[in-house]
Protein backbone atom coordinates (compact mmCIF):
# COMPACT_ATOMS: atom_id res chain seq x y z
CA MET A 1 -0.24 0.23 -0.08
CA LYS A 2 3.31 2.48 1.07
CA TRP A 3 3.51 2.27 -2.79
CA ARG A 4 0.40 3.98 -3.64
CA HIS A 5 0.56 6.75 -1.16
CA SER A 6 3.67 7.20 -2.84
CA LEU A 7 2.53 7.58 -6.27
CA ILE A 8 -0.41 9.48 -5.22
CA TYR A 9 2.06 11.75 -3.50
CA LEU A 10 4.25 11.98 -6.54
CA LEU A 11 0.62 12.87 -8.58
CA ILE A 12 -0.12 15.99 -6.11
CA LEU A 13 3.41 17.23 -6.90
CA ALA A 14 3.22 16.67 -10.65
CA LEU A 15 -0.11 18.76 -10.47
CA LEU A 16 1.42 21.62 -8.01
CA GLY A 17 4.25 21.96 -9.83
CA GLY A 18 2.08 22.19 -13.54
CA TYR A 19 0.08 24.78 -11.62
CA TYR A 20 2.65 26.83 -10.73
CA TYR A 21 4.88 26.56 -13.90
CA TYR A 22 1.58 27.60 -15.81
CA PHE A 23 -0.23 30.42 -13.95
CA GLU A 24 2.96 32.09 -12.39
CA VAL A 25 5.73 31.40 -15.41
CA VAL A 26 3.84 30.99 -18.45
CA GLN A 27 0.56 33.37 -17.41
CA LYS A 28 3.32 35.83 -16.06
CA ARG A 29 5.34 36.19 -18.96
CA LYS A 30 2.04 36.90 -21.79
CA LYS A 31 0.76 39.47 -19.40
CA GLU A 32 4.60 41.09 -19.50
CA GLU A 33 4.63 40.34 -23.31
CA ALA A 34 0.64 42.49 -23.61
CA GLU A 35 1.93 44.75 -21.23
CA ARG A 36 5.19 45.41 -23.46
CA ALA A 37 3.06 45.02 -26.53
CA LYS A 38 0.27 47.96 -25.05
CA ASN A 39 3.54 50.31 -24.53
CA ARG A 40 5.14 49.58 -28.26
CA LEU A 41 5.16 53.05 -30.53
CA PHE A 42 4.63 50.77 -33.46
CA SER A 43 3.82 47.67 -34.42
CA VAL A 44 5.68 47.24 -37.17
CA ALA A 45 8.24 43.84 -37.89
CA THR A 46 11.78 44.77 -38.32
CA GLU A 47 12.19 42.90 -41.47
CA ALA A 48 8.95 44.93 -42.92
CA VAL A 49 11.40 48.41 -42.69
CA ASP A 50 12.25 49.84 -45.84
CA GLU A 51 14.00 53.39 -45.36
CA ILE A 52 14.73 55.72 -42.56
CA ILE A 53 15.64 58.48 -42.01
CA LEU A 54 17.26 60.43 -39.09
CA GLU A 55 17.56 64.31 -38.54
CA ALA A 56 19.32 65.04 -35.60
CA LYS A 57 19.99 68.65 -34.30
CA ASP A 58 23.06 70.11 -36.50
CA LYS A 59 24.31 67.49 -38.23
CA PRO A 60 23.48 66.97 -41.92
CA ALA A 61 20.26 64.06 -42.26
CA LEU A 62 20.92 60.43 -42.66
CA HIS A 63 19.16 58.69 -45.06
CA VAL A 64 19.51 54.93 -45.34
CA LEU A 65 17.26 52.52 -47.70
CA LYS A 66 17.14 48.75 -48.64
CA LYS A 67 18.24 48.24 -52.30
CA ASP A 68 18.04 44.12 -53.72
CA GLY A 69 17.57 43.85 -49.67
CA ALA A 70 20.88 45.78 -48.50
CA TRP A 71 20.83 48.58 -46.28
CA VAL A 72 22.70 51.38 -48.61
CA LEU A 73 22.98 55.14 -47.18
CA ASP A 74 21.85 57.82 -49.59
CA ARG A 75 22.45 60.60 -47.60
CA PRO A 76 25.04 62.68 -46.81
CA VAL A 77 27.56 60.38 -48.61
CA ARG A 78 26.25 57.26 -50.93
CA THR A 79 27.83 54.32 -49.98
CA GLU A 80 27.12 50.60 -48.71
CA ALA A 81 26.17 50.75 -44.99
CA ASP A 82 27.22 48.57 -42.08
CA GLN A 83 24.75 45.81 -42.21
CA SER A 84 24.60 44.33 -39.05
CA ALA A 85 24.20 48.66 -37.64
CA VAL A 86 21.18 49.32 -39.23
CA ASP A 87 19.24 46.24 -38.42
CA THR A 88 20.26 47.09 -34.90
CA LEU A 89 19.24 50.84 -35.61
CA VAL A 90 15.99 48.99 -36.73
CA HIS A 91 15.40 46.97 -34.14
CA SER A 92 15.63 49.72 -31.73
CA LEU A 93 13.44 51.68 -33.50
CA VAL A 94 10.63 48.84 -34.21
CA HIS A 95 10.77 48.03 -29.84
CA LEU A 96 10.70 51.68 -29.01
CA GLU A 97 8.01 50.90 -25.97
CA LYS A 98 6.68 54.24 -23.57
CA ASN A 99 7.99 54.51 -19.76
CA ARG A 100 4.87 56.11 -19.00
CA GLU A 101 2.25 59.11 -20.49
CA VAL A 102 3.29 62.53 -19.47
CA ASP A 103 0.51 64.97 -21.19
CA GLN A 104 -1.83 63.95 -23.55
CA ALA A 105 -3.12 67.26 -25.26
CA ALA A 106 0.66 69.74 -24.55
CA LYS A 107 0.06 72.81 -25.56
CA ASP A 108 3.25 74.07 -25.23
CA MET A 109 5.68 71.94 -26.88
CA ALA A 110 8.69 74.08 -26.63
CA LEU A 111 8.31 73.01 -22.59
CA TYR A 112 9.53 69.35 -23.52
CA GLY A 113 11.93 70.70 -25.86
CA LEU A 114 9.64 69.41 -29.51
CA SER A 115 8.96 72.59 -30.83
CA GLU A 116 12.87 72.38 -31.86
CA PRO A 117 13.53 68.32 -31.55
CA THR A 118 16.83 67.10 -30.94
CA LEU A 119 16.41 64.22 -33.24
CA VAL A 120 13.39 63.20 -35.42
CA VAL A 121 13.62 59.70 -37.02
CA ARG A 122 10.83 58.91 -40.06
CA PHE A 123 11.04 55.38 -40.98
CA ARG A 124 8.87 53.56 -43.86
CA SER A 125 7.18 50.10 -43.62
CA GLY A 126 5.12 49.45 -47.18
CA GLU A 127 4.05 52.77 -48.35
CA THR A 128 3.44 54.17 -45.22
CA TRP A 129 5.74 56.71 -42.89
CA HIS A 130 5.89 56.94 -39.34
CA HIS A 131 8.01 59.18 -37.28
CA ILE A 132 8.53 60.26 -34.02
CA ARG A 133 10.31 63.33 -32.54
CA PHE A 134 12.92 63.23 -29.27
CA GLY A 135 13.02 66.36 -27.51
CA SER A 136 14.83 66.99 -24.22
CA LYS A 137 15.92 65.21 -21.21
CA ASN A 138 13.57 65.13 -17.81
CA PRO A 139 14.34 66.71 -14.89
CA THR A 140 16.14 62.90 -13.26
CA GLU A 141 17.94 62.75 -16.83
CA GLU A 142 16.78 59.47 -17.12
CA SER A 143 14.57 60.01 -19.97
CA HIS A 144 13.75 61.94 -22.94
CA TYR A 145 10.35 64.01 -24.40
CA ALA A 146 8.80 62.34 -27.27
CA ALA A 147 5.73 62.34 -29.19
CA LYS A 148 4.75 60.41 -32.21
CA GLY A 149 4.61 62.46 -36.14
CA ASP A 150 2.49 65.84 -35.08
CA GLU A 151 0.94 64.77 -32.29
CA ASN A 152 0.88 66.53 -28.70
CA ALA A 153 0.66 63.72 -26.74
CA VAL A 154 3.95 63.80 -24.87
CA PHE A 155 5.67 60.83 -23.19
CA LEU A 156 8.63 59.48 -21.78
CA LEU A 157 11.17 57.23 -23.30
CA ALA A 158 14.46 55.59 -21.81
CA ALA A 159 17.66 57.82 -22.60
CA GLY A 160 19.76 54.86 -23.64
CA SER A 161 16.72 54.04 -26.49
CA VAL A 162 17.32 57.21 -27.61
CA LYS A 163 20.53 56.60 -27.61
CA ALA A 164 20.58 53.66 -29.59
CA LEU A 165 18.82 56.21 -32.19
CA ASN A 166 21.03 59.26 -32.80
CA LYS A 167 23.61 57.52 -34.86
CA GLY A 168 26.05 59.52 -36.68
CA LEU A 169 27.31 58.73 -40.51
CA ASP A 170 30.48 56.99 -39.65
CA GLU A 171 28.51 54.79 -37.39
CA LEU A 172 25.84 53.57 -40.31
CA ARG A 173 28.67 53.38 -42.79
CA ARG A 174 30.71 50.31 -43.85
CA ARG A 175 33.53 49.88 -42.17
CA ASP A 176 34.97 46.36 -43.62
CA LEU A 177 37.63 46.90 -46.54
CA LEU A 178 37.12 44.00 -48.05
CA THR A 179 34.06 41.29 -48.32
CA PHE A 180 34.55 37.74 -49.74
CA GLU A 181 33.73 34.34 -48.68
CA ASP A 182 36.82 32.06 -47.83
CA GLU A 183 36.43 29.07 -49.50
CA GLU A 184 35.88 30.66 -52.71
CA VAL A 185 39.42 32.42 -52.63
CA ARG A 186 41.40 31.45 -55.29
CA GLY A 187 44.33 33.75 -54.95
CA LEU A 188 46.16 35.98 -53.58
CA SER A 189 48.97 38.29 -53.78
CA VAL A 190 51.19 40.48 -51.57
CA SER A 191 53.14 43.35 -53.52
CA TRP A 192 55.45 45.65 -51.50
CA ALA A 193 56.70 49.02 -52.46
CA ASP A 194 60.28 47.49 -51.32
CA GLY A 195 59.90 45.21 -54.23
CA HIS A 196 58.83 42.16 -51.98
CA ARG A 197 55.95 40.23 -53.67
CA LEU A 198 54.61 36.96 -53.37
CA THR A 199 51.59 35.32 -55.23
CA LEU A 200 49.50 31.93 -53.82
CA ALA A 201 47.39 30.23 -55.59
CA ARG A 202 45.05 27.68 -54.30
CA ASP A 203 44.99 23.97 -56.03
CA GLU A 204 42.27 23.58 -58.19
CA LYS A 205 41.66 20.03 -56.70
CA ASP A 206 42.36 20.09 -53.01
CA LYS A 207 41.01 23.52 -51.48
CA ASP A 208 43.10 22.85 -48.71
CA LEU A 209 46.16 23.26 -50.42
CA TRP A 210 47.75 26.29 -51.20
CA ARG A 211 50.98 26.58 -53.45
CA CYS A 212 53.61 29.49 -54.03
CA PRO A 213 53.79 29.46 -58.20
CA GLU A 214 56.92 30.94 -58.45
CA GLU A 215 58.49 28.51 -55.73
CA PRO A 216 56.27 25.53 -55.64
CA GLU A 217 58.87 23.36 -54.35
CA ARG A 218 57.79 24.90 -51.04
CA ARG A 219 55.16 23.62 -48.80
CA VAL A 220 52.66 26.29 -48.14
CA LYS A 221 51.21 26.04 -44.64
CA ARG A 222 47.05 26.52 -44.94
CA ALA A 223 46.79 28.13 -41.53
CA LYS A 224 48.87 31.01 -41.95
CA VAL A 225 47.35 32.00 -45.71
CA ASP A 226 43.92 31.73 -43.39
CA ASN A 227 45.36 34.29 -40.80
CA ILE A 228 46.51 36.29 -43.78
CA LEU A 229 42.44 36.46 -45.09
CA ASN A 230 41.56 36.52 -41.62
CA GLN A 231 42.97 39.98 -41.27
CA ILE A 232 42.29 41.37 -44.24
CA ARG A 233 38.91 40.51 -44.02
CA TRP A 234 38.21 41.74 -40.23
CA ALA A 235 40.39 45.04 -41.34
CA ARG A 236 37.93 47.36 -40.60
CA ALA A 237 38.07 51.76 -40.88
CA LYS A 238 38.76 53.54 -37.88
CA THR A 239 37.75 56.79 -39.81
CA PHE A 240 36.96 58.09 -42.87
CA LEU A 241 38.83 60.46 -44.96
CA GLU A 242 36.28 62.59 -47.41
CA LEU A 243 38.68 62.32 -50.70
CA PRO A 244 38.66 60.57 -53.86
CA ALA A 245 39.47 57.03 -53.33
CA GLU A 246 42.37 57.47 -56.09
CA ASP A 247 44.23 59.88 -53.92
CA SER A 248 47.80 58.81 -54.07
CA GLN A 249 48.58 62.09 -52.41
CA VAL A 250 47.70 61.15 -49.22
CA TRP A 251 50.54 58.30 -48.91
CA SER A 252 53.72 59.95 -47.48
CA SER A 253 55.49 58.19 -50.43
CA GLY A 254 53.39 58.72 -53.15
CA ALA A 255 52.15 55.00 -53.09
CA ALA A 256 51.01 53.20 -50.60
CA ASP A 257 53.26 50.13 -48.99
CA VAL A 258 51.72 47.23 -49.45
CA HIS A 259 49.35 46.31 -51.80
CA VAL A 260 46.80 43.48 -51.42
CA ILE A 261 44.60 41.71 -54.28
CA VAL A 262 42.15 38.91 -53.26
CA GLN A 263 40.91 36.75 -56.13
CA GLY A 264 38.50 34.89 -56.73
CA GLY A 265 37.35 32.16 -59.54
CA ASP A 266 36.18 34.70 -62.02
CA GLY A 267 38.59 37.68 -61.19
CA PRO A 268 39.13 39.35 -57.91
CA PHE A 269 37.29 40.28 -55.05
CA GLY A 270 38.68 43.08 -54.27
CA GLU A 271 42.08 45.06 -54.00
CA VAL A 272 43.17 47.16 -50.54
CA LYS A 273 46.64 49.84 -50.73
CA ILE A 274 47.88 50.26 -47.39
CA GLY A 275 50.27 52.88 -46.36
CA ARG A 276 51.40 55.67 -44.16
CA LYS A 277 49.79 59.01 -44.58
CA LYS A 278 51.94 62.04 -45.47
CA ASP A 279 53.27 64.59 -42.89
CA ASP A 280 51.47 62.01 -40.08
CA PRO A 281 53.61 58.59 -39.81
CA GLU A 282 51.64 57.29 -37.18
CA THR A 283 48.72 57.58 -38.80
CA THR A 284 48.01 54.40 -41.57
CA VAL A 285 45.45 54.91 -44.52
CA ALA A 286 43.83 52.11 -46.64
CA TRP A 287 42.17 52.51 -49.99
CA SER A 288 39.59 49.70 -51.02
CA SER A 289 38.11 48.42 -54.82
CA GLN A 290 35.04 48.36 -52.60
CA MET A 291 34.74 51.36 -50.61
CA SER A 292 34.00 55.12 -51.94
CA SER A 293 36.47 56.85 -49.74
CA LEU A 294 39.88 56.98 -48.62
CA VAL A 295 39.85 55.49 -44.61
CA THR A 296 42.17 55.08 -41.76
CA VAL A 297 43.10 51.46 -40.62
CA ASP A 298 45.06 50.04 -37.68
CA GLY A 299 48.47 49.96 -38.82
CA ALA A 300 49.29 46.51 -37.12
CA ILE A 301 47.70 44.51 -39.98
CA VAL A 302 50.85 45.71 -42.50
CA LYS A 303 52.49 43.98 -39.70
CA ASP A 304 50.75 40.81 -39.83
CA LEU A 305 50.86 40.84 -44.15
CA PRO A 306 53.96 38.11 -46.03
CA LYS A 307 56.96 39.15 -48.08
CA THR A 308 58.45 36.11 -48.94
CA VAL A 309 57.01 32.14 -49.45
CA ARG A 310 59.40 31.54 -46.10
CA ASP A 311 56.64 33.41 -43.93
CA VAL A 312 54.16 31.56 -45.10
CA GLU A 313 55.83 28.40 -45.75
CA ASP A 314 54.75 24.98 -43.81
CA ARG A 315 58.17 24.78 -41.69
CA SER A 316 56.86 22.55 -39.22
CA VAL A 317 59.28 20.03 -37.53
CA VAL A 318 57.14 17.04 -36.50
CA VAL A 319 53.60 16.37 -37.94
CA LEU A 320 51.30 15.48 -35.51
CA ASP A 321 47.48 15.25 -34.24
CA SER A 322 47.58 15.59 -30.85
CA LYS A 323 43.69 14.71 -30.88
CA ASN A 324 45.53 11.11 -31.13
CA VAL A 325 48.25 10.90 -28.77
CA THR A 326 47.63 8.18 -26.31
CA ARG A 327 51.07 8.08 -25.38
CA VAL A 328 54.43 9.69 -24.29
CA HIS A 329 57.83 7.79 -23.83
CA TYR A 330 60.40 10.60 -22.56
CA ARG A 331 63.97 11.38 -21.46
CA ILE A 332 64.19 14.64 -20.21
CA ARG A 333 66.78 16.32 -17.72
CA GLY A 334 67.98 12.81 -15.85
CA ASP A 335 64.17 11.83 -15.95
CA LYS A 336 62.90 9.01 -17.61
CA GLY A 337 58.75 7.85 -17.66
CA GLU A 338 56.17 7.78 -20.04
CA LEU A 339 52.69 9.75 -19.68
CA VAL A 340 49.58 7.40 -20.80
CA LEU A 341 45.66 8.33 -21.37
CA GLN A 342 43.55 6.41 -19.40
CA ASP A 343 39.72 5.10 -20.14
CA ASP A 344 38.38 7.84 -18.15
CA GLY A 345 40.15 10.28 -20.44
CA THR A 346 42.58 11.60 -17.84
CA TRP A 347 46.30 10.74 -18.01
CA ALA A 348 48.45 8.75 -15.73
CA TYR A 349 52.33 8.87 -14.66
CA VAL A 350 54.17 5.98 -15.14
CA GLY A 351 57.86 6.17 -13.85
CA ALA A 352 60.73 4.11 -14.79
CA ASP A 353 60.14 1.29 -11.97
CA GLY A 354 56.92 0.75 -13.06
CA SER A 355 54.90 3.19 -10.76
CA ARG A 356 52.01 4.49 -11.70
CA ARG A 357 50.32 8.14 -10.20
CA MET A 358 47.05 10.19 -11.68
CA ILE A 359 48.24 13.07 -12.85
CA LYS A 360 46.66 16.49 -11.13
CA GLU A 361 44.78 18.93 -13.69
CA SER A 362 45.16 16.63 -16.28
CA TRP A 363 43.83 18.99 -18.80
CA ARG A 364 47.53 20.36 -19.12
CA VAL A 365 48.93 17.41 -20.96
CA ARG A 366 47.78 18.53 -24.29
CA PRO A 367 48.94 21.90 -23.94
CA VAL A 368 52.36 20.41 -24.35
CA PHE A 369 51.50 18.55 -27.41
CA TRP A 370 49.72 21.79 -29.50
CA GLU A 371 53.31 23.25 -28.60
CA TRP A 372 55.15 20.76 -30.56
CA GLU A 373 51.99 20.82 -33.38
CA ASP A 374 52.96 24.88 -33.91
CA LEU A 375 57.01 23.96 -33.55
CA GLU A 376 58.45 25.23 -36.97
CA TYR A 377 62.54 25.04 -37.66
CA GLU A 378 64.63 28.28 -38.25
CA GLU A 379 66.12 25.90 -41.41
CA LYS A 380 67.47 22.70 -41.41
CA ALA A 381 70.57 21.48 -39.70
CA PRO A 382 74.34 21.37 -41.26
CA ALA A 383 75.17 17.83 -42.98
CA GLU A 384 78.22 18.22 -40.72
CA ALA A 385 75.96 18.69 -37.42
CA GLN A 386 77.50 16.34 -34.78
CA ARG A 387 74.76 14.53 -33.06
CA PRO A 388 75.80 13.52 -28.88
CA GLU A 389 75.63 10.45 -27.67
CA GLU A 390 71.96 9.04 -27.25
CA GLN A 391 72.35 9.14 -23.14
CA ASP A 392 73.20 13.00 -23.61
CA LEU A 393 69.85 13.56 -25.45
CA HIS A 394 66.48 14.35 -24.26
CA ARG A 395 63.85 12.34 -26.27
CA LEU A 396 59.88 12.05 -26.71
CA GLU A 397 58.34 9.51 -28.57
CA PHE A 398 53.91 9.85 -29.20
CA SER A 399 52.09 6.83 -29.80
CA THR A 400 48.68 7.33 -31.25
CA LYS A 401 45.76 5.79 -31.60
CA ASP A 402 46.71 3.71 -34.52
CA GLY A 403 49.61 2.85 -33.68
CA ALA A 404 52.14 4.87 -35.16
CA THR A 405 54.76 6.97 -33.41
CA LEU A 406 56.96 10.17 -33.86
CA THR A 407 60.42 10.92 -31.99
CA VAL A 408 61.97 13.68 -31.43
CA SER A 409 65.27 14.42 -29.37
CA TRP A 410 67.24 17.15 -28.83
CA PRO A 411 70.84 17.98 -26.99
CA GLY A 412 70.20 17.80 -22.97
CA ALA A 413 73.29 17.85 -21.24
CA ASN A 414 76.23 19.63 -22.15
CA ARG A 415 74.25 22.12 -24.26
CA ASP A 416 75.01 25.57 -24.66
CA GLU A 417 72.52 27.67 -23.13
CA SER A 418 73.54 30.76 -25.06
CA ALA A 419 72.87 29.52 -28.25
CA PRO A 420 69.94 30.76 -30.13
CA THR A 421 69.37 27.45 -31.70
CA PHE A 422 68.84 23.66 -30.71
CA PRO A 423 69.63 20.92 -33.56
CA LEU A 424 66.52 18.90 -33.81
CA TRP A 425 66.27 15.26 -34.85
CA THR A 426 63.11 13.13 -36.19
CA GLY A 427 62.89 9.69 -35.97
CA SER A 428 63.81 9.74 -39.73
CA GLY A 429 66.97 11.37 -39.04
CA GLU A 430 65.73 14.92 -40.85
CA ALA A 431 68.03 17.09 -38.85
CA TYR A 432 66.59 21.13 -37.63
CA LEU A 433 67.56 24.13 -36.01
CA VAL A 434 64.81 25.24 -33.92
CA LYS A 435 64.70 28.78 -31.64
CA GLY A 436 66.41 27.94 -28.30
CA GLU A 437 63.64 30.04 -26.28
CA LYS A 438 60.68 27.34 -27.75
CA ILE A 439 62.41 24.23 -26.78
CA ARG A 440 63.38 25.02 -23.34
CA ALA A 441 59.71 26.79 -22.70
CA ILE A 442 57.93 23.44 -23.86
CA GLU A 443 60.77 21.62 -21.11
CA GLU A 444 59.76 23.20 -18.29
CA LYS A 445 55.73 22.21 -19.63
CA ILE A 446 56.86 18.54 -19.60
CA LEU A 447 58.40 19.24 -16.44
CA ASP A 448 55.14 20.62 -15.06
CA VAL A 449 52.83 18.13 -16.16
CA LEU A 450 55.94 15.80 -14.20
CA LYS A 451 55.86 17.70 -11.16
CA ARG A 452 52.07 17.54 -10.38
CA ALA A 453 52.37 14.37 -11.04
CA SER A 454 54.41 13.76 -7.97
CA ASP A 455 52.48 16.03 -5.41
CA LYS A 456 49.39 13.72 -6.42
CA ALA A 457 51.18 10.92 -5.69
CA SER A 458 52.95 12.91 -2.39
CA SER A 459 48.84 14.20 -0.57
C-alpha cells in the first residue's frame, strides 16, 4: 500500500508543479509580453522596414534605404551601409516602448524641447511612413520627452533607447575593407613598395592546399594563409577621409606600402592598398576597391602581411595530431618514464620503476602536444652537425591510437644554453635548427606536468 501512497503524493506534487509553472511562469510571461506590446510605439516587424531618415539637430540628415535586400546610405554620401549596424538600429526603433505618459494634449511643446526636436526619426514600412520626435531630457535625465508624428501627446522614453537611435554617418556606413568568403578565394597576391612580392594560388583539386607558383617546391601552410585572409577580411575603417579613393598624394611616399589583391574564380574580389599617411607616419591610410573613400586603419595589419614565401612556408618540425596521442615516452633532464591516456580521459604518469600515479589537472598535458604541433624550424641543420651520444639527448616518443609513433630528440647534457638555436632530430633522421627559447619553454611545460604527478602521489 505504501507505493500507492507514494504514487498519489507524486501525482499531487506534479499537479502543483504544473499549476505553479502555468500560472506563475507562462501566464506571467504572457502578461509581461502583453504589457510591452501595449507600450510599444509601432506595430511594425523589423523585416518590414525599408527606409530610415535620421534628422539630428546641427547634423546633416542621414538617409538609409534597402536596395536588393541590402542597406545602403543615400545621404549625406552614397555608399554601402554597415548591415549589422543598421539592423540593430531598426530593431531598436520598432521595439521602442513608452516609459509613461506625460501630457495627453500638450499646449506648449517647447516646454519639452519638442518644438525644435533634438532628433527626428522617420521610417517607411511598405507605403506607410512613421515618425517620432525626441525632445529634451526630463529632470532626472533618465528619459527623453517624445511625441509620435505631429501629435501633441507627450510621453517619456528611456535615454538609452534614444542613444541607440541617434547614430552618426561613420557609425552606419560600411567599415570592413573587403568582403569575401574564404572558400571562394582562389588566389592572393601581396606586393610591397620595397620590391617584395608574394603570389599564392589554391590547388584546383584540393581546396586545403595552397602553393606559391614561383616556388612550387616550398610547402605552404594553410593556417598561415587563413590568417592572412582573416587579417584582410576583419580589417575595418577607424575613420573616413572624405578624399577621392584614387588620391595617391595621401601616402607619405606617394604610393602605398603594400597592395593586396584577393582573387576569386572569375576575377578579383577586391584590392586593398595600405600605407603611412603623408606628414603623419603614426596614421595608416587604406584604399579599398569596395569603398568610395579613403579610410584610416590600424597599422598593425601591415606587420601581419607576408613578404616572401618563407613567411607562409610550412616549416613544421613534426606532423602531430594531438587529439590522437595516447602515450608519450620521455627522457628529459635526468628523468624518464611515460604519460599514458586512461579510459576515463585522464592522464597517468608511469615511472621507470613501473609505479603509476595520477596526473593532477590532466588538462595540462595536451597543451604540451600543441607546442609540438606549432613548432617550426628556422632552417635545416647542416649535414656536419654532430649528434650527441644517445644518453646525452632529451627524447620524446609519441604513440597514437592507430599505433603510429613519432620520435624527436635534442641536446640535453652539456649543451650551450646561450645558443640561439638547438638542433632537433626526428625519428627519420632529419635534423633541424629550432629556436632555443621554444625548446626550453616546451621542457618547462613537460616538467610542470611531471611535477604535478609527483604532487598528487605525495598527497
